[in-house]
Amino acid sequence: EDAFKIPTDAMGNVRPYMDTYSLEEYEGPMAIPVDESVLQEDLNNYSSLKGRLLRDAAIAGFIGTIIADLIKGFDDALVYFFGAIAGVGYLFFLGIKTDTLGSVDAKMGTNVSNLRF
């Protein structure tokens, strides 16, 4: 029943549970051994997944453009087509951004991925 009580001082102000972090006997995060073959396989799977995502988005845009042309006419199909191209471009630049997060060459990814906005 005390699980939702917020600690307060005499004036009713919220106070932290602890005044400072308890760093006694803290040795930092543990290093976990990484299996390079598993890492390489996961990178290959990730690259394949990105390619499929871009391909599927382009195919869906193409099919949507054909359907829009048949139902609404060329003008609406053209607008749909450019929207689909913009969506594929957004996914591409988002992939560049996420691939360069936390890496040494992140500046390149940041500059290029800003094109998606």
Foldseek 3Di string as FASTA:
>chain_A
DCPPDFDDDPVRHGDDPDPDDDCPPPDDDDDDDDDVVVVVVVVVVVVVVLVVVLVVLLVVLVVVLVVCCVPPRNVVSVVSNVVSVLVSVLSVLVVLQVVLVPHPPNVVSVVSSVVND
